[in-house]
Amino acid sequence: MKTKFLTLIALLAPLASISAPLTETAAVHTKPDQASAVVTFLKAGTEPAAVTDAMANSPAGWLAVELPGPFEAYVQNKDLTKGLDVKVGANIYLAPKPDAGVLTVAIKDDKVTLTGLHGRWTQIQLTRKLVGYVFIGGTPSYLPSIATTPAQTVTSSPSTMSAPPVTPGVYGVATPGHAAPMVNLGDGGSTTLPRQFAGKFISTRRPLAPRRPFDWALADDAGKRYAYLDVSKLLLTDQIENYVNHSVVVFGAAKNAPDTKEIVIQVESLQLK
């Protein structure tokens, strides 16, 4: 009985140590390991919601906390079924690259919404509670290096739980949770360089009407088409119709169609705005 009591005290000790709000910004890791990927940051003054079940298997100095989501994440196109569901057991990543940290593994009945296309990757919103880990055993060596990073507090907001920002010049997305920077085709810049464009994603196909050069286009707020979209570089084009009549941000190079004044954007990535 005495041994059991001492064991219980040892398990509850970490919880007692964080009964007060955090005194400094803390990283929330995917695993109880400082080398593991960071999901988000908790501001100083935040009271983490400890997960007692996970605490039993956590190393000393680590606090298991609940992350309510939803989460912005990415899966490889090969890990989607024909019905566009994420395959059970597939890795769900924090960024669209193979060496990005794994947020979690897909399970049966996951609530997933497809929100973007990025070459061989599909951007998703995952609505599920996860467990993250905060180091409370001392001051991690990396804390000084994150002093200029805007801290985030865990809430149910998608922007709070987003993956780290992806460089627009590489993946064609803006900072998660913020509007993408707009561009003007007449701003004097080179239209051959990939850039971001926003508008409503529309179909150009009409019954009994001649087929347009491209099946998809971007429209302005008034519903007027201002650019055709060449989506041939997107690998998972069977998802395209999910974006019709939605506000989107596309990343690609714009150019004039031969012998016309029409603008065509060679789309490299597409996501909901």
C-alpha atoms as a PDB file:
ATOM      1  CA  MET A   1       0.000   0.000   0.000  1.00  0.00           C
ATOM      2  CA  LYS A   2       2.818   2.381   0.861  1.00  0.00           C
ATOM      3  CA  THR A   3       4.507   1.644  -2.477  1.00  0.00           C
ATOM      4  CA  LYS A   4       1.286   2.402  -4.384  1.00  0.00           C
ATOM      5  CA  PHE A   5       0.849   5.660  -2.484  1.00  0.00           C
ATOM      6  CA  LEU A   6       4.398   6.775  -3.308  1.00  0.00           C
ATOM      7  CA  THR A   7       3.833   5.900  -6.956  1.00  0.00           C
ATOM      8  CA  LEU A   8       0.660   8.014  -7.020  1.00  0.00           C
ATOM      9  CA  ILE A   9       2.519  10.959  -5.471  1.00  0.00           C
ATOM     10  CA  ALA A  10       5.250  10.644  -8.106  1.00  0.00           C
ATOM     11  CA  LEU A  11       2.665  10.746 -10.910  1.00  0.00           C
ATOM     12  CA  LEU A  12       0.842  13.746  -9.480  1.00  0.00           C
ATOM     13  CA  ALA A  13       3.966  15.763  -8.764  1.00  0.00           C
ATOM     14  CA  PRO A  14       4.380  17.109 -12.338  1.00  0.00           C
ATOM     15  CA  LEU A  15       0.724  18.210 -12.321  1.00  0.00           C
ATOM     16  CA  ALA A  16       1.167  20.110  -9.100  1.00  0.00           C
ATOM     17  CA  SER A  17       4.200  21.897 -10.500  1.00  0.00           C
ATOM     18  CA  ILE A  18       2.130  23.529 -13.271  1.00  0.00           C
ATOM     19  CA  SER A  19      -0.943  24.456 -11.230  1.00  0.00           C
ATOM     20  CA  ALA A  20       0.103  28.060 -11.823  1.00  0.00           C
ATOM     21  CA  PRO A  21       0.174  29.589 -15.339  1.00  0.00           C
ATOM     22  CA  LEU A  22       3.338  29.239 -17.420  1.00  0.00           C
ATOM     23  CA  THR A  23       5.934  31.891 -16.618  1.00  0.00           C
ATOM     24  CA  GLU A  24       7.447  31.924 -20.118  1.00  0.00           C
ATOM     25  CA  THR A  25       6.592  30.954 -23.672  1.00  0.00           C
ATOM     26  CA  ALA A  26       6.797  27.178 -24.106  1.00  0.00           C
ATOM     27  CA  ALA A  27       6.955  24.993 -27.204  1.00  0.00           C
ATOM     28  CA  VAL A  28       4.465  22.144 -27.572  1.00  0.00           C
ATOM     29  CA  HIS A  29       6.162  19.112 -29.144  1.00  0.00           C
ATOM     30  CA  THR A  30       4.668  16.085 -30.866  1.00  0.00           C
ATOM     31  CA  LYS A  31       6.700  13.829 -28.559  1.00  0.00           C
ATOM     32  CA  PRO A  32       8.340  14.242 -25.134  1.00  0.00           C
ATOM     33  CA  ASP A  33      11.640  14.986 -26.844  1.00  0.00           C
ATOM     34  CA  GLN A  34      13.168  18.420 -27.472  1.00  0.00           C
ATOM     35  CA  ALA A  35      14.328  17.230 -30.913  1.00  0.00           C
ATOM     36  CA  SER A  36      10.765  16.404 -32.012  1.00  0.00           C
ATOM     37  CA  ALA A  37       8.619  18.693 -34.157  1.00  0.00           C
ATOM     38  CA  VAL A  38       6.873  21.707 -32.609  1.00  0.00           C
ATOM     39  CA  VAL A  39       3.109  21.918 -33.134  1.00  0.00           C
ATOM     40  CA  THR A  40       2.548  25.344 -31.558  1.00  0.00           C
ATOM     41  CA  PHE A  41       3.627  27.601 -28.692  1.00  0.00           C
ATOM     42  CA  LEU A  42       1.881  28.448 -25.431  1.00  0.00           C
ATOM     43  CA  LYS A  43       2.107  32.026 -24.219  1.00  0.00           C
ATOM     44  CA  ALA A  44       3.354  32.917 -20.774  1.00  0.00           C
ATOM     45  CA  GLY A  45       0.296  33.025 -18.532  1.00  0.00           C
ATOM     46  CA  THR A  46      -1.405  30.058 -20.203  1.00  0.00           C
ATOM     47  CA  GLU A  47      -2.613  27.219 -17.967  1.00  0.00           C
ATOM     48  CA  PRO A  48      -2.109  23.990 -19.968  1.00  0.00           C
ATOM     49  CA  ALA A  49      -4.770  21.287 -19.748  1.00  0.00           C
ATOM     50  CA  ALA A  50      -2.797  18.279 -18.519  1.00  0.00           C
ATOM     51  CA  VAL A  51      -3.650  14.803 -19.859  1.00  0.00           C
ATOM     52  CA  THR A  52      -3.271  12.510 -16.862  1.00  0.00           C
ATOM     53  CA  ASP A  53      -3.356   9.249 -18.846  1.00  0.00           C
ATOM     54  CA  ALA A  54      -0.436  10.343 -21.025  1.00  0.00           C
ATOM     55  CA  MET A  55       1.480  11.685 -18.017  1.00  0.00           C
ATOM     56  CA  ALA A  56       1.951   8.138 -16.719  1.00  0.00           C
ATOM     57  CA  ASN A  57       4.151   7.312 -19.721  1.00  0.00           C
ATOM     58  CA  SER A  58       5.892  10.690 -20.026  1.00  0.00           C
ATOM     59  CA  PRO A  59       9.550  11.101 -19.003  1.00  0.00           C
ATOM     60  CA  ALA A  60      10.370  13.241 -15.995  1.00  0.00           C
ATOM     61  CA  GLY A  61      10.275  16.946 -16.759  1.00  0.00           C
ATOM     62  CA  TRP A  62       7.582  16.671 -19.468  1.00  0.00           C
ATOM     63  CA  LEU A  63       3.931  17.650 -19.259  1.00  0.00           C
ATOM     64  CA  ALA A  64       1.341  16.039 -21.569  1.00  0.00           C
ATOM     65  CA  VAL A  65      -1.258  18.603 -22.658  1.00  0.00           C
ATOM     66  CA  GLU A  66      -4.460  18.448 -24.658  1.00  0.00           C
ATOM     67  CA  LEU A  67      -4.543  20.147 -28.066  1.00  0.00           C
ATOM     68  CA  PRO A  68      -8.177  20.611 -29.143  1.00  0.00           C
ATOM     69  CA  GLY A  69      -7.606  21.465 -32.820  1.00  0.00           C
ATOM     70  CA  PRO A  70      -8.588  21.769 -35.580  1.00  0.00           C
ATOM     71  CA  PHE A  71      -5.144  21.421 -37.174  1.00  0.00           C
ATOM     72  CA  GLU A  72      -3.832  22.488 -40.558  1.00  0.00           C
ATOM     73  CA  ALA A  73      -1.735  19.617 -41.902  1.00  0.00           C
ATOM     74  CA  TYR A  74      -0.655  17.783 -45.051  1.00  0.00           C
ATOM     75  CA  VAL A  75      -0.790  14.252 -46.465  1.00  0.00           C
ATOM     76  CA  GLN A  76       0.872  12.766 -49.516  1.00  0.00           C
ATOM     77  CA  ASN A  77      -1.507  12.249 -52.430  1.00  0.00           C
ATOM     78  CA  LYS A  78      -0.671   8.542 -52.484  1.00  0.00           C
ATOM     79  CA  ASP A  79      -2.180   8.278 -49.003  1.00  0.00           C
ATOM     80  CA  LEU A  80      -5.645   9.303 -50.211  1.00  0.00           C
ATOM     81  CA  THR A  81      -8.243   6.747 -51.283  1.00  0.00           C
ATOM     82  CA  LYS A  82     -10.294   7.073 -54.487  1.00  0.00           C
ATOM     83  CA  GLY A  83     -13.001   8.552 -52.278  1.00  0.00           C
ATOM     84  CA  LEU A  84     -10.465  11.212 -51.151  1.00  0.00           C
ATOM     85  CA  ASP A  85     -10.310   9.894 -47.593  1.00  0.00           C
ATOM     86  CA  VAL A  86      -6.984   9.706 -45.764  1.00  0.00           C
ATOM     87  CA  LYS A  87      -5.881   6.081 -45.495  1.00  0.00           C
ATOM     88  CA  VAL A  88      -5.827   4.692 -41.965  1.00  0.00           C
ATOM     89  CA  GLY A  89      -2.254   4.543 -40.687  1.00  0.00           C
ATOM     90  CA  ALA A  90      -0.977   7.267 -43.055  1.00  0.00           C
ATOM     91  CA  ASN A  91       1.348   9.914 -41.657  1.00  0.00           C
ATOM     92  CA  ILE A  92      -0.148  13.405 -41.334  1.00  0.00           C
ATOM     93  CA  TYR A  93       2.588  16.022 -41.636  1.00  0.00           C
ATOM     94  CA  LEU A  94       3.048  19.563 -40.332  1.00  0.00           C
ATOM     95  CA  ALA A  95       4.328  20.825 -43.709  1.00  0.00           C
ATOM     96  CA  PRO A  96       4.255  19.581 -47.338  1.00  0.00           C
ATOM     97  CA  LYS A  97       7.669  17.935 -47.374  1.00  0.00           C
ATOM     98  CA  PRO A  98       8.855  14.418 -46.461  1.00  0.00           C
ATOM     99  CA  ASP A  99      11.232  15.573 -43.726  1.00  0.00           C
ATOM    100  CA  ALA A 100       8.619  17.710 -41.972  1.00  0.00           C
ATOM    101  CA  GLY A 101       7.509  16.619 -38.532  1.00  0.00           C
ATOM    102  CA  VAL A 102       4.671  14.097 -38.316  1.00  0.00           C
ATOM    103  CA  LEU A 103       1.708  15.610 -36.480  1.00  0.00           C
ATOM    104  CA  THR A 104      -0.115  12.316 -36.016  1.00  0.00           C
ATOM    105  CA  VAL A 105      -1.200   9.132 -37.794  1.00  0.00           C
ATOM    106  CA  ALA A 106      -4.595   8.875 -39.468  1.00  0.00           C
ATOM    107  CA  ILE A 107      -7.179   6.766 -37.652  1.00  0.00           C
ATOM    108  CA  LYS A 108     -10.592   5.449 -38.609  1.00  0.00           C
ATOM    109  CA  ASP A 109     -13.411   8.038 -38.572  1.00  0.00           C
ATOM    110  CA  ASP A 110     -11.029  11.019 -38.599  1.00  0.00           C
ATOM    111  CA  LYS A 111     -12.883  14.216 -39.500  1.00  0.00           C
ATOM    112  CA  VAL A 112     -10.854  15.648 -42.393  1.00  0.00           C
ATOM    113  CA  THR A 113     -11.564  18.496 -44.800  1.00  0.00           C
ATOM    114  CA  LEU A 114      -9.459  18.948 -47.943  1.00  0.00           C
ATOM    115  CA  THR A 115      -8.345  22.576 -48.202  1.00  0.00           C
ATOM    116  CA  GLY A 116      -5.571  22.722 -50.805  1.00  0.00           C
ATOM    117  CA  LEU A 117      -3.421  21.057 -53.459  1.00  0.00           C
ATOM    118  CA  HIS A 118       0.379  21.370 -53.465  1.00  0.00           C
ATOM    119  CA  GLY A 119       1.907  19.153 -56.142  1.00  0.00           C
ATOM    120  CA  ARG A 120       2.293  15.709 -54.578  1.00  0.00           C
ATOM    121  CA  TRP A 121       0.672  16.910 -51.343  1.00  0.00           C
ATOM    122  CA  THR A 122      -2.862  17.645 -50.216  1.00  0.00           C
ATOM    123  CA  GLN A 123      -3.534  20.217 -47.514  1.00  0.00           C
ATOM    124  CA  ILE A 124      -6.154  19.187 -44.952  1.00  0.00           C
ATOM    125  CA  GLN A 125      -7.883  20.403 -41.836  1.00  0.00           C
ATOM    126  CA  LEU A 126      -7.970  17.695 -39.160  1.00  0.00           C
ATOM    127  CA  THR A 127     -10.583  17.998 -36.416  1.00  0.00           C
ATOM    128  CA  ARG A 128      -9.496  15.747 -33.587  1.00  0.00           C
ATOM    129  CA  LYS A 129      -8.040  16.215 -30.112  1.00  0.00           C
ATOM    130  CA  LEU A 130      -4.324  15.404 -29.885  1.00  0.00           C
ATOM    131  CA  VAL A 131      -1.769  15.222 -27.111  1.00  0.00           C
ATOM    132  CA  GLY A 132       1.295  17.443 -27.137  1.00  0.00           C
ATOM    133  CA  TYR A 133       4.236  17.694 -24.754  1.00  0.00           C
ATOM    134  CA  VAL A 134       5.690  20.705 -22.936  1.00  0.00           C
ATOM    135  CA  PHE A 135       9.101  20.592 -21.277  1.00  0.00           C
ATOM    136  CA  ILE A 136       8.786  21.871 -17.694  1.00  0.00           C
ATOM    137  CA  GLY A 137      11.886  20.330 -16.133  1.00  0.00           C
ATOM    138  CA  GLY A 138      14.073  23.386 -16.794  1.00  0.00           C
ATOM    139  CA  THR A 139      14.862  25.964 -19.436  1.00  0.00           C
ATOM    140  CA  PRO A 140      15.330  24.302 -22.841  1.00  0.00           C
ATOM    141  CA  SER A 141      18.406  25.422 -24.742  1.00  0.00           C
ATOM    142  CA  TYR A 142      16.336  26.580 -27.710  1.00  0.00           C
ATOM    143  CA  LEU A 143      14.157  29.128 -25.851  1.00  0.00           C
ATOM    144  CA  PRO A 144      16.352  32.184 -26.575  1.00  0.00           C
ATOM    145  CA  SER A 145      16.159  31.441 -30.297  1.00  0.00           C
ATOM    146  CA  ILE A 146      12.342  31.700 -30.359  1.00  0.00           C
ATOM    147  CA  ALA A 147      12.156  35.062 -28.634  1.00  0.00           C
ATOM    148  CA  THR A 148      11.126  36.811 -31.863  1.00  0.00           C
ATOM    149  CA  THR A 149       8.548  34.176 -32.866  1.00  0.00           C
ATOM    150  CA  PRO A 150       4.946  35.283 -32.216  1.00  0.00           C
ATOM    151  CA  ALA A 151       3.592  33.106 -29.415  1.00  0.00           C
ATOM    152  CA  GLN A 152       0.300  31.294 -29.774  1.00  0.00           C
ATOM    153  CA  THR A 153      -2.221  30.082 -27.258  1.00  0.00           C
ATOM    154  CA  VAL A 154      -4.051  26.786 -27.680  1.00  0.00           C
ATOM    155  CA  THR A 155      -7.667  27.450 -28.636  1.00  0.00           C
ATOM    156  CA  SER A 156     -10.106  25.915 -31.081  1.00  0.00           C
ATOM    157  CA  SER A 157      -9.074  28.392 -33.782  1.00  0.00           C
ATOM    158  CA  PRO A 158      -7.514  26.827 -36.930  1.00  0.00           C
ATOM    159  CA  SER A 159      -4.976  29.638 -37.174  1.00  0.00           C
ATOM    160  CA  THR A 160      -3.735  28.954 -33.653  1.00  0.00           C
ATOM    161  CA  MET A 161      -3.096  25.293 -34.363  1.00  0.00           C
ATOM    162  CA  SER A 162      -1.625  25.796 -37.809  1.00  0.00           C
ATOM    163  CA  ALA A 163       1.585  24.292 -39.048  1.00  0.00           C
ATOM    164  CA  PRO A 164       4.624  26.568 -39.165  1.00  0.00           C
ATOM    165  CA  PRO A 165       4.412  29.135 -42.000  1.00  0.00           C
ATOM    166  CA  VAL A 166       5.509  27.829 -45.399  1.00  0.00           C
ATOM    167  CA  THR A 167       7.635  30.028 -47.636  1.00  0.00           C
ATOM    168  CA  PRO A 168       5.342  31.399 -50.388  1.00  0.00           C
ATOM    169  CA  GLY A 169       8.099  31.201 -53.013  1.00  0.00           C
ATOM    170  CA  VAL A 170       8.387  27.469 -52.470  1.00  0.00           C
ATOM    171  CA  TYR A 171       4.929  26.148 -51.705  1.00  0.00           C
ATOM    172  CA  GLY A 172       2.645  28.976 -52.756  1.00  0.00           C
ATOM    173  CA  VAL A 173       0.816  29.454 -49.472  1.00  0.00           C
ATOM    174  CA  ALA A 174       0.519  32.398 -47.161  1.00  0.00           C
ATOM    175  CA  THR A 175       1.042  32.292 -43.400  1.00  0.00           C
ATOM    176  CA  PRO A 176      -1.730  29.975 -42.126  1.00  0.00           C
ATOM    177  CA  GLY A 177      -4.706  31.893 -40.807  1.00  0.00           C
ATOM    178  CA  HIS A 178      -3.824  35.104 -42.666  1.00  0.00           C
ATOM    179  CA  ALA A 179      -4.922  36.402 -46.042  1.00  0.00           C
ATOM    180  CA  ALA A 180      -2.518  35.799 -48.896  1.00  0.00           C
ATOM    181  CA  PRO A 181      -0.770  38.892 -50.280  1.00  0.00           C
ATOM    182  CA  MET A 182      -2.429  40.048 -53.474  1.00  0.00           C
ATOM    183  CA  VAL A 183      -0.657  41.039 -56.669  1.00  0.00           C
ATOM    184  CA  ASN A 184      -1.509  43.360 -59.531  1.00  0.00           C
ATOM    185  CA  LEU A 185      -0.832  42.106 -63.044  1.00  0.00           C
ATOM    186  CA  GLY A 186      -0.044  45.659 -64.085  1.00  0.00           C
ATOM    187  CA  ASP A 187       2.413  46.422 -61.306  1.00  0.00           C
ATOM    188  CA  GLY A 188       5.402  46.354 -63.629  1.00  0.00           C
ATOM    189  CA  GLY A 189       6.807  43.092 -62.261  1.00  0.00           C
ATOM    190  CA  SER A 190       7.681  40.058 -64.330  1.00  0.00           C
ATOM    191  CA  THR A 191       4.623  37.892 -64.929  1.00  0.00           C
ATOM    192  CA  THR A 192       6.829  34.900 -65.683  1.00  0.00           C
ATOM    193  CA  LEU A 193       7.739  34.468 -62.014  1.00  0.00           C
ATOM    194  CA  PRO A 194       5.407  32.398 -59.787  1.00  0.00           C
ATOM    195  CA  ARG A 195       3.230  34.610 -57.621  1.00  0.00           C
ATOM    196  CA  GLN A 196       0.024  34.471 -55.588  1.00  0.00           C
ATOM    197  CA  PHE A 197      -3.413  35.320 -56.975  1.00  0.00           C
ATOM    198  CA  ALA A 198      -6.783  35.280 -55.241  1.00  0.00           C
ATOM    199  CA  GLY A 199     -10.350  35.093 -56.479  1.00  0.00           C
ATOM    200  CA  LYS A 200     -13.327  32.798 -56.919  1.00  0.00           C
ATOM    201  CA  PHE A 201     -12.562  29.436 -58.535  1.00  0.00           C
ATOM    202  CA  ILE A 202     -15.039  28.945 -61.383  1.00  0.00           C
ATOM    203  CA  SER A 203     -15.716  26.522 -64.212  1.00  0.00           C
ATOM    204  CA  THR A 204     -15.702  27.849 -67.782  1.00  0.00           C
ATOM    205  CA  ARG A 205     -17.745  24.944 -69.135  1.00  0.00           C
ATOM    206  CA  ARG A 206     -21.291  25.803 -70.208  1.00  0.00           C
ATOM    207  CA  PRO A 207     -23.956  23.546 -71.774  1.00  0.00           C
ATOM    208  CA  LEU A 208     -24.254  23.975 -75.561  1.00  0.00           C
ATOM    209  CA  ALA A 209     -21.478  26.593 -75.563  1.00  0.00           C
ATOM    210  CA  PRO A 210     -18.092  26.251 -77.274  1.00  0.00           C
ATOM    211  CA  ARG A 211     -15.416  24.914 -74.948  1.00  0.00           C
ATOM    212  CA  ARG A 212     -12.983  27.497 -73.594  1.00  0.00           C
ATOM    213  CA  PRO A 213      -9.186  27.060 -73.872  1.00  0.00           C
ATOM    214  CA  PHE A 214      -9.125  26.022 -70.196  1.00  0.00           C
ATOM    215  CA  ASP A 215     -11.844  24.467 -68.043  1.00  0.00           C
ATOM    216  CA  TRP A 216     -11.112  26.572 -64.952  1.00  0.00           C
ATOM    217  CA  ALA A 217     -10.644  30.255 -64.210  1.00  0.00           C
ATOM    218  CA  LEU A 218     -10.374  32.904 -61.481  1.00  0.00           C
ATOM    219  CA  ALA A 219     -13.117  35.511 -61.120  1.00  0.00           C
ATOM    220  CA  ASP A 220     -13.088  38.807 -59.246  1.00  0.00           C
ATOM    221  CA  ASP A 221     -15.561  39.913 -56.557  1.00  0.00           C
ATOM    222  CA  ALA A 222     -18.039  40.922 -59.241  1.00  0.00           C
ATOM    223  CA  GLY A 223     -17.955  37.421 -60.738  1.00  0.00           C
ATOM    224  CA  LYS A 224     -16.042  38.500 -63.859  1.00  0.00           C
ATOM    225  CA  ARG A 225     -13.332  36.137 -65.124  1.00  0.00           C
ATOM    226  CA  TYR A 226      -9.903  37.731 -65.075  1.00  0.00           C
ATOM    227  CA  ALA A 227      -7.591  34.748 -65.675  1.00  0.00           C
ATOM    228  CA  TYR A 228      -7.736  31.205 -66.979  1.00  0.00           C
ATOM    229  CA  LEU A 229      -6.150  28.477 -64.850  1.00  0.00           C
ATOM    230  CA  ASP A 230      -3.906  25.798 -66.315  1.00  0.00           C
ATOM    231  CA  VAL A 231      -4.033  23.044 -63.674  1.00  0.00           C
ATOM    232  CA  SER A 232      -2.018  20.463 -65.614  1.00  0.00           C
ATOM    233  CA  LYS A 233       0.792  20.583 -63.017  1.00  0.00           C
ATOM    234  CA  LEU A 234      -1.556  19.557 -60.200  1.00  0.00           C
ATOM    235  CA  LEU A 235      -1.326  15.808 -59.804  1.00  0.00           C
ATOM    236  CA  LEU A 236      -4.574  15.132 -57.978  1.00  0.00           C
ATOM    237  CA  THR A 237      -6.946  16.882 -60.385  1.00  0.00           C
ATOM    238  CA  ASP A 238      -9.925  14.692 -59.415  1.00  0.00           C
ATOM    239  CA  GLN A 239     -10.271  17.014 -56.390  1.00  0.00           C
ATOM    240  CA  ILE A 240     -10.634  20.138 -58.512  1.00  0.00           C
ATOM    241  CA  GLU A 241     -14.431  20.310 -58.506  1.00  0.00           C
ATOM    242  CA  ASN A 242     -14.390  20.614 -54.701  1.00  0.00           C
ATOM    243  CA  TYR A 243     -13.113  24.177 -55.154  1.00  0.00           C
ATOM    244  CA  VAL A 244     -15.727  25.449 -57.633  1.00  0.00           C
ATOM    245  CA  ASN A 245     -17.416  28.681 -56.457  1.00  0.00           C
ATOM    246  CA  HIS A 246     -15.090  28.974 -53.452  1.00  0.00           C
ATOM    247  CA  SER A 247     -12.620  31.772 -52.753  1.00  0.00           C
ATOM    248  CA  VAL A 248      -9.125  30.421 -53.332  1.00  0.00           C
ATOM    249  CA  VAL A 249      -5.472  31.416 -53.456  1.00  0.00           C
ATOM    250  CA  VAL A 250      -3.417  30.022 -56.332  1.00  0.00           C
ATOM    251  CA  PHE A 251       0.346  30.131 -56.768  1.00  0.00           C
ATOM    252  CA  GLY A 252       1.838  30.106 -60.234  1.00  0.00           C
ATOM    253  CA  ALA A 253       3.266  32.029 -63.168  1.00  0.00           C
ATOM    254  CA  ALA A 254       0.932  34.266 -65.170  1.00  0.00           C
ATOM    255  CA  LYS A 255       1.347  34.920 -68.877  1.00  0.00           C
ATOM    256  CA  ASN A 256      -0.657  36.092 -71.847  1.00  0.00           C
ATOM    257  CA  ALA A 257      -2.193  33.425 -74.045  1.00  0.00           C
ATOM    258  CA  PRO A 258      -0.752  33.483 -77.613  1.00  0.00           C
ATOM    259  CA  ASP A 259      -2.390  36.048 -79.923  1.00  0.00           C
ATOM    260  CA  THR A 260      -4.892  37.139 -77.257  1.00  0.00           C
ATOM    261  CA  LYS A 261      -5.156  39.455 -74.297  1.00  0.00           C
ATOM    262  CA  GLU A 262      -6.309  36.575 -72.093  1.00  0.00           C
ATOM    263  CA  ILE A 263      -4.219  35.828 -68.986  1.00  0.00           C
ATOM    264  CA  VAL A 264      -3.335  32.226 -68.114  1.00  0.00           C
ATOM    265  CA  ILE A 265      -1.913  31.181 -64.739  1.00  0.00           C
ATOM    266  CA  GLN A 266       0.131  27.970 -64.678  1.00  0.00           C
ATOM    267  CA  VAL A 267      -1.043  26.731 -61.280  1.00  0.00           C
ATOM    268  CA  GLU A 268       1.539  25.095 -59.015  1.00  0.00           C
ATOM    269  CA  SER A 269      -0.618  25.028 -55.881  1.00  0.00           C
ATOM    270  CA  LEU A 270      -4.224  25.723 -54.981  1.00  0.00           C
ATOM    271  CA  GLN A 271      -5.849  26.234 -51.594  1.00  0.00           C
ATOM    272  CA  LEU A 272      -9.027  27.609 -50.068  1.00  0.00           C
ATOM    273  CA  LYS A 273      -8.701  31.188 -48.896  1.00  0.00           C
END
